[in-house]
N, C-alpha and C. Protein backbone atom coordinates (compact mmCIF):
# COMPACT_ATOMS: atom_id res chain seq x y z
N MET A 1 0.86 -1.16 0.00
CA MET A 1 0.00 0.00 0.00
C MET A 1 0.90 1.22 0.00
N ARG A 2 0.48 2.23 -0.77
CA ARG A 2 1.22 3.49 -0.80
C ARG A 2 0.24 4.63 -0.58
N ALA A 3 0.71 5.61 0.16
CA ALA A 3 -0.05 6.84 0.36
C ALA A 3 0.91 7.99 0.16
N VAL A 4 0.43 9.07 -0.42
CA VAL A 4 1.30 10.21 -0.73
C VAL A 4 0.65 11.48 -0.21
N ASP A 5 1.48 12.33 0.42
CA ASP A 5 1.01 13.67 0.77
C ASP A 5 1.91 14.66 0.03
N ALA A 6 1.86 15.91 0.42
CA ALA A 6 2.60 16.95 -0.31
C ALA A 6 4.11 16.72 -0.31
N ARG A 7 4.63 16.09 0.73
CA ARG A 7 6.10 15.94 0.83
C ARG A 7 6.59 14.51 0.90
N TRP A 8 5.75 13.55 1.27
CA TRP A 8 6.22 12.20 1.55
C TRP A 8 5.38 11.15 0.84
N ARG A 9 6.03 10.03 0.60
CA ARG A 9 5.34 8.82 0.15
C ARG A 9 5.52 7.80 1.28
N TYR A 10 4.42 7.22 1.70
CA TYR A 10 4.43 6.21 2.77
C TYR A 10 4.16 4.86 2.11
N VAL A 11 5.06 3.92 2.33
CA VAL A 11 4.95 2.61 1.69
C VAL A 11 4.94 1.55 2.79
N MET A 12 3.94 0.66 2.71
CA MET A 12 3.89 -0.42 3.69
C MET A 12 3.37 -1.68 3.04
N ALA A 13 3.83 -2.79 3.55
CA ALA A 13 3.39 -4.09 3.05
C ALA A 13 3.47 -5.08 4.19
N PRO A 14 2.54 -6.02 4.22
CA PRO A 14 2.60 -7.03 5.27
C PRO A 14 3.72 -8.03 5.00
N GLN A 15 4.25 -8.58 6.07
CA GLN A 15 5.20 -9.67 5.92
C GLN A 15 4.42 -10.91 5.50
N MET A 16 5.13 -11.92 5.14
CA MET A 16 4.46 -13.17 4.76
C MET A 16 3.65 -13.67 5.94
N LEU A 17 2.38 -13.90 5.72
CA LEU A 17 1.49 -14.40 6.76
C LEU A 17 1.13 -15.86 6.45
N LEU A 18 1.66 -16.76 7.24
CA LEU A 18 1.42 -18.18 7.02
C LEU A 18 1.70 -18.58 5.58
N GLY A 19 2.78 -18.02 5.04
CA GLY A 19 3.18 -18.34 3.68
C GLY A 19 2.38 -17.67 2.59
N LYS A 20 1.42 -16.80 2.97
CA LYS A 20 0.58 -16.13 1.98
C LYS A 20 0.88 -14.63 2.00
N PRO A 21 1.51 -14.11 0.94
CA PRO A 21 1.80 -12.67 0.92
C PRO A 21 0.54 -11.86 0.65
N GLY A 22 0.59 -10.60 1.00
CA GLY A 22 -0.48 -9.69 0.66
C GLY A 22 -1.40 -9.36 1.82
N TRP A 23 -2.33 -8.45 1.51
CA TRP A 23 -3.29 -7.99 2.49
C TRP A 23 -4.50 -8.91 2.53
N SER A 24 -5.16 -8.93 3.66
CA SER A 24 -6.44 -9.62 3.74
C SER A 24 -7.36 -8.81 4.64
N ALA A 25 -8.64 -8.95 4.43
CA ALA A 25 -9.62 -8.25 5.28
C ALA A 25 -9.47 -8.68 6.72
N THR A 26 -9.17 -9.93 6.94
CA THR A 26 -9.00 -10.45 8.30
C THR A 26 -7.80 -9.81 8.98
N PHE A 27 -6.68 -9.74 8.27
CA PHE A 27 -5.47 -9.13 8.83
C PHE A 27 -5.74 -7.66 9.17
N TRP A 28 -6.40 -6.95 8.26
CA TRP A 28 -6.70 -5.54 8.50
C TRP A 28 -7.61 -5.39 9.73
N ALA A 29 -8.70 -6.15 9.77
CA ALA A 29 -9.69 -6.00 10.86
C ALA A 29 -9.17 -6.49 12.20
N ALA A 30 -8.43 -7.57 12.19
CA ALA A 30 -7.99 -8.18 13.46
C ALA A 30 -6.70 -7.57 14.00
N ASP A 31 -5.86 -7.07 13.12
CA ASP A 31 -4.54 -6.62 13.56
C ASP A 31 -4.27 -5.14 13.30
N VAL A 32 -4.37 -4.74 12.05
CA VAL A 32 -3.97 -3.37 11.68
C VAL A 32 -4.89 -2.32 12.28
N ARG A 33 -6.18 -2.47 12.10
CA ARG A 33 -7.11 -1.44 12.58
C ARG A 33 -7.04 -1.25 14.10
N PRO A 34 -7.06 -2.32 14.91
CA PRO A 34 -6.95 -2.10 16.36
C PRO A 34 -5.63 -1.44 16.76
N ALA A 35 -4.53 -1.82 16.12
CA ALA A 35 -3.23 -1.21 16.42
C ALA A 35 -3.24 0.26 16.03
N TYR A 36 -3.82 0.56 14.87
CA TYR A 36 -3.91 1.95 14.40
C TYR A 36 -4.70 2.80 15.40
N GLU A 37 -5.85 2.32 15.81
CA GLU A 37 -6.70 3.08 16.73
C GLU A 37 -6.02 3.29 18.09
N ARG A 38 -5.35 2.27 18.58
CA ARG A 38 -4.64 2.36 19.86
C ARG A 38 -3.47 3.34 19.77
N GLU A 39 -2.68 3.21 18.72
CA GLU A 39 -1.50 4.05 18.58
C GLU A 39 -1.85 5.48 18.22
N LEU A 40 -2.96 5.70 17.52
CA LEU A 40 -3.39 7.05 17.18
C LEU A 40 -3.60 7.87 18.45
N ILE A 41 -4.23 7.29 19.44
CA ILE A 41 -4.44 7.99 20.72
C ILE A 41 -3.10 8.33 21.36
N ARG A 42 -2.18 7.37 21.38
CA ARG A 42 -0.86 7.60 21.99
C ARG A 42 -0.08 8.68 21.27
N VAL A 43 -0.10 8.64 19.95
CA VAL A 43 0.65 9.63 19.17
C VAL A 43 0.06 11.03 19.38
N ARG A 44 -1.26 11.14 19.36
CA ARG A 44 -1.88 12.45 19.58
C ARG A 44 -1.53 13.02 20.95
N LEU A 45 -1.57 12.18 21.97
CA LEU A 45 -1.21 12.64 23.31
C LEU A 45 0.26 13.07 23.37
N ARG A 46 1.13 12.30 22.72
CA ARG A 46 2.55 12.64 22.73
C ARG A 46 2.81 13.95 21.99
N MET A 47 2.13 14.17 20.88
CA MET A 47 2.31 15.41 20.13
C MET A 47 1.81 16.62 20.94
N LYS A 48 0.68 16.46 21.63
CA LYS A 48 0.18 17.55 22.48
C LYS A 48 1.18 17.85 23.59
N ALA A 49 1.72 16.80 24.20
CA ALA A 49 2.69 16.99 25.27
C ALA A 49 3.95 17.67 24.75
N GLU A 50 4.38 17.32 23.55
CA GLU A 50 5.57 17.94 22.97
C GLU A 50 5.34 19.44 22.74
N ASN A 51 4.19 19.81 22.22
CA ASN A 51 3.90 21.22 22.00
C ASN A 51 3.79 21.97 23.32
N ALA A 52 3.18 21.36 24.33
CA ALA A 52 3.08 21.99 25.65
C ALA A 52 4.48 22.20 26.24
N ARG A 53 5.35 21.21 26.08
CA ARG A 53 6.73 21.34 26.57
C ARG A 53 7.44 22.48 25.86
N ARG A 54 7.26 22.57 24.57
CA ARG A 54 7.90 23.65 23.80
C ARG A 54 7.41 25.01 24.27
N ARG A 55 6.11 25.13 24.52
CA ARG A 55 5.57 26.41 25.02
C ARG A 55 6.17 26.76 26.37
N ARG A 56 6.25 25.77 27.27
CA ARG A 56 6.83 26.02 28.60
C ARG A 56 8.27 26.49 28.51
N LEU A 57 9.00 25.95 27.56
CA LEU A 57 10.41 26.30 27.41
C LEU A 57 10.63 27.54 26.54
N GLY A 58 9.55 28.11 26.05
CA GLY A 58 9.66 29.29 25.20
C GLY A 58 10.16 28.97 23.80
N GLN A 59 10.06 27.73 23.40
CA GLN A 59 10.49 27.32 22.06
C GLN A 59 9.31 27.42 21.10
N PRO A 60 9.59 27.58 19.82
CA PRO A 60 8.48 27.62 18.86
C PRO A 60 7.76 26.27 18.82
N THR A 61 6.45 26.35 18.74
CA THR A 61 5.67 25.11 18.62
C THR A 61 5.66 24.67 17.17
N LEU A 62 5.32 23.43 16.96
CA LEU A 62 5.25 22.89 15.61
C LEU A 62 4.01 23.42 14.90
N SER A 63 4.14 23.66 13.63
CA SER A 63 2.98 24.07 12.85
C SER A 63 2.04 22.88 12.70
N ARG A 64 0.82 23.16 12.30
CA ARG A 64 -0.14 22.07 12.09
C ARG A 64 0.40 21.07 11.06
N GLU A 65 1.01 21.57 10.00
CA GLU A 65 1.57 20.69 8.97
C GLU A 65 2.71 19.84 9.51
N GLU A 66 3.61 20.45 10.29
CA GLU A 66 4.71 19.69 10.89
C GLU A 66 4.19 18.61 11.84
N ARG A 67 3.21 18.98 12.65
CA ARG A 67 2.62 17.99 13.58
C ARG A 67 2.00 16.84 12.81
N GLN A 68 1.28 17.15 11.75
CA GLN A 68 0.62 16.10 10.97
C GLN A 68 1.64 15.17 10.33
N GLU A 69 2.70 15.74 9.74
CA GLU A 69 3.74 14.92 9.12
C GLU A 69 4.39 14.00 10.14
N ARG A 70 4.79 14.56 11.26
CA ARG A 70 5.44 13.76 12.31
C ARG A 70 4.50 12.71 12.87
N ALA A 71 3.26 13.11 13.11
CA ALA A 71 2.29 12.19 13.70
C ALA A 71 2.00 11.03 12.75
N THR A 72 1.83 11.32 11.48
CA THR A 72 1.54 10.25 10.52
C THR A 72 2.69 9.27 10.46
N HIS A 73 3.90 9.78 10.37
CA HIS A 73 5.08 8.90 10.30
C HIS A 73 5.22 8.09 11.58
N GLU A 74 5.13 8.73 12.73
CA GLU A 74 5.27 8.02 14.00
C GLU A 74 4.17 6.96 14.17
N LEU A 75 2.95 7.33 13.78
CA LEU A 75 1.83 6.40 13.90
C LEU A 75 2.08 5.13 13.09
N TRP A 76 2.48 5.29 11.83
CA TRP A 76 2.70 4.10 11.00
C TRP A 76 3.94 3.33 11.41
N GLU A 77 4.95 4.00 11.95
CA GLU A 77 6.10 3.26 12.49
C GLU A 77 5.65 2.36 13.63
N ARG A 78 4.83 2.89 14.52
CA ARG A 78 4.35 2.12 15.67
C ARG A 78 3.45 0.97 15.24
N VAL A 79 2.52 1.26 14.33
CA VAL A 79 1.61 0.20 13.85
C VAL A 79 2.41 -0.90 13.16
N ALA A 80 3.34 -0.50 12.31
CA ALA A 80 4.15 -1.48 11.58
C ALA A 80 4.91 -2.38 12.54
N ALA A 81 5.53 -1.79 13.55
CA ALA A 81 6.28 -2.60 14.53
C ALA A 81 5.35 -3.54 15.28
N ASP A 82 4.16 -3.07 15.58
CA ASP A 82 3.21 -3.85 16.36
C ASP A 82 2.66 -5.05 15.59
N VAL A 83 2.34 -4.87 14.31
CA VAL A 83 1.66 -5.93 13.57
C VAL A 83 2.54 -6.61 12.52
N GLY A 84 3.79 -6.19 12.40
CA GLY A 84 4.70 -6.85 11.47
C GLY A 84 4.60 -6.38 10.03
N LEU A 85 4.41 -5.06 9.84
CA LEU A 85 4.41 -4.51 8.49
C LEU A 85 5.82 -4.04 8.14
N HIS A 86 6.15 -4.13 6.88
CA HIS A 86 7.34 -3.45 6.38
C HIS A 86 6.89 -2.04 6.06
N TYR A 87 7.56 -1.05 6.62
CA TYR A 87 7.13 0.35 6.45
C TYR A 87 8.34 1.22 6.17
N ARG A 88 8.14 2.18 5.28
CA ARG A 88 9.16 3.21 5.07
C ARG A 88 8.48 4.48 4.59
N ARG A 89 9.15 5.59 4.82
CA ARG A 89 8.69 6.89 4.34
C ARG A 89 9.80 7.43 3.47
N GLU A 90 9.43 7.93 2.31
CA GLU A 90 10.44 8.44 1.37
C GLU A 90 9.90 9.67 0.67
N GLN A 91 10.82 10.46 0.16
CA GLN A 91 10.39 11.63 -0.61
C GLN A 91 10.15 11.18 -2.05
N PRO A 92 9.00 11.60 -2.62
CA PRO A 92 8.70 11.17 -3.99
C PRO A 92 9.65 11.79 -5.01
């Protein structure tokens, strides 16, 4: 699967599952979606905490675009590690 935004291309693929490559509805529903939902909450909380820390220290906060880019990348890194996806982010 590939997704592209203004600056990045996100590429992910499942590892061999029981000798069968590729995506399946079962894999998505049982593994990927729950991991995504769980990690999304964690990433959002971490990003809020990072911006609050920056404000306390008088440092510039991240722009909405920077937060989104970082959050998307961090989210998919976490999901990939959790469910065994091969994941990378690259510039198109």
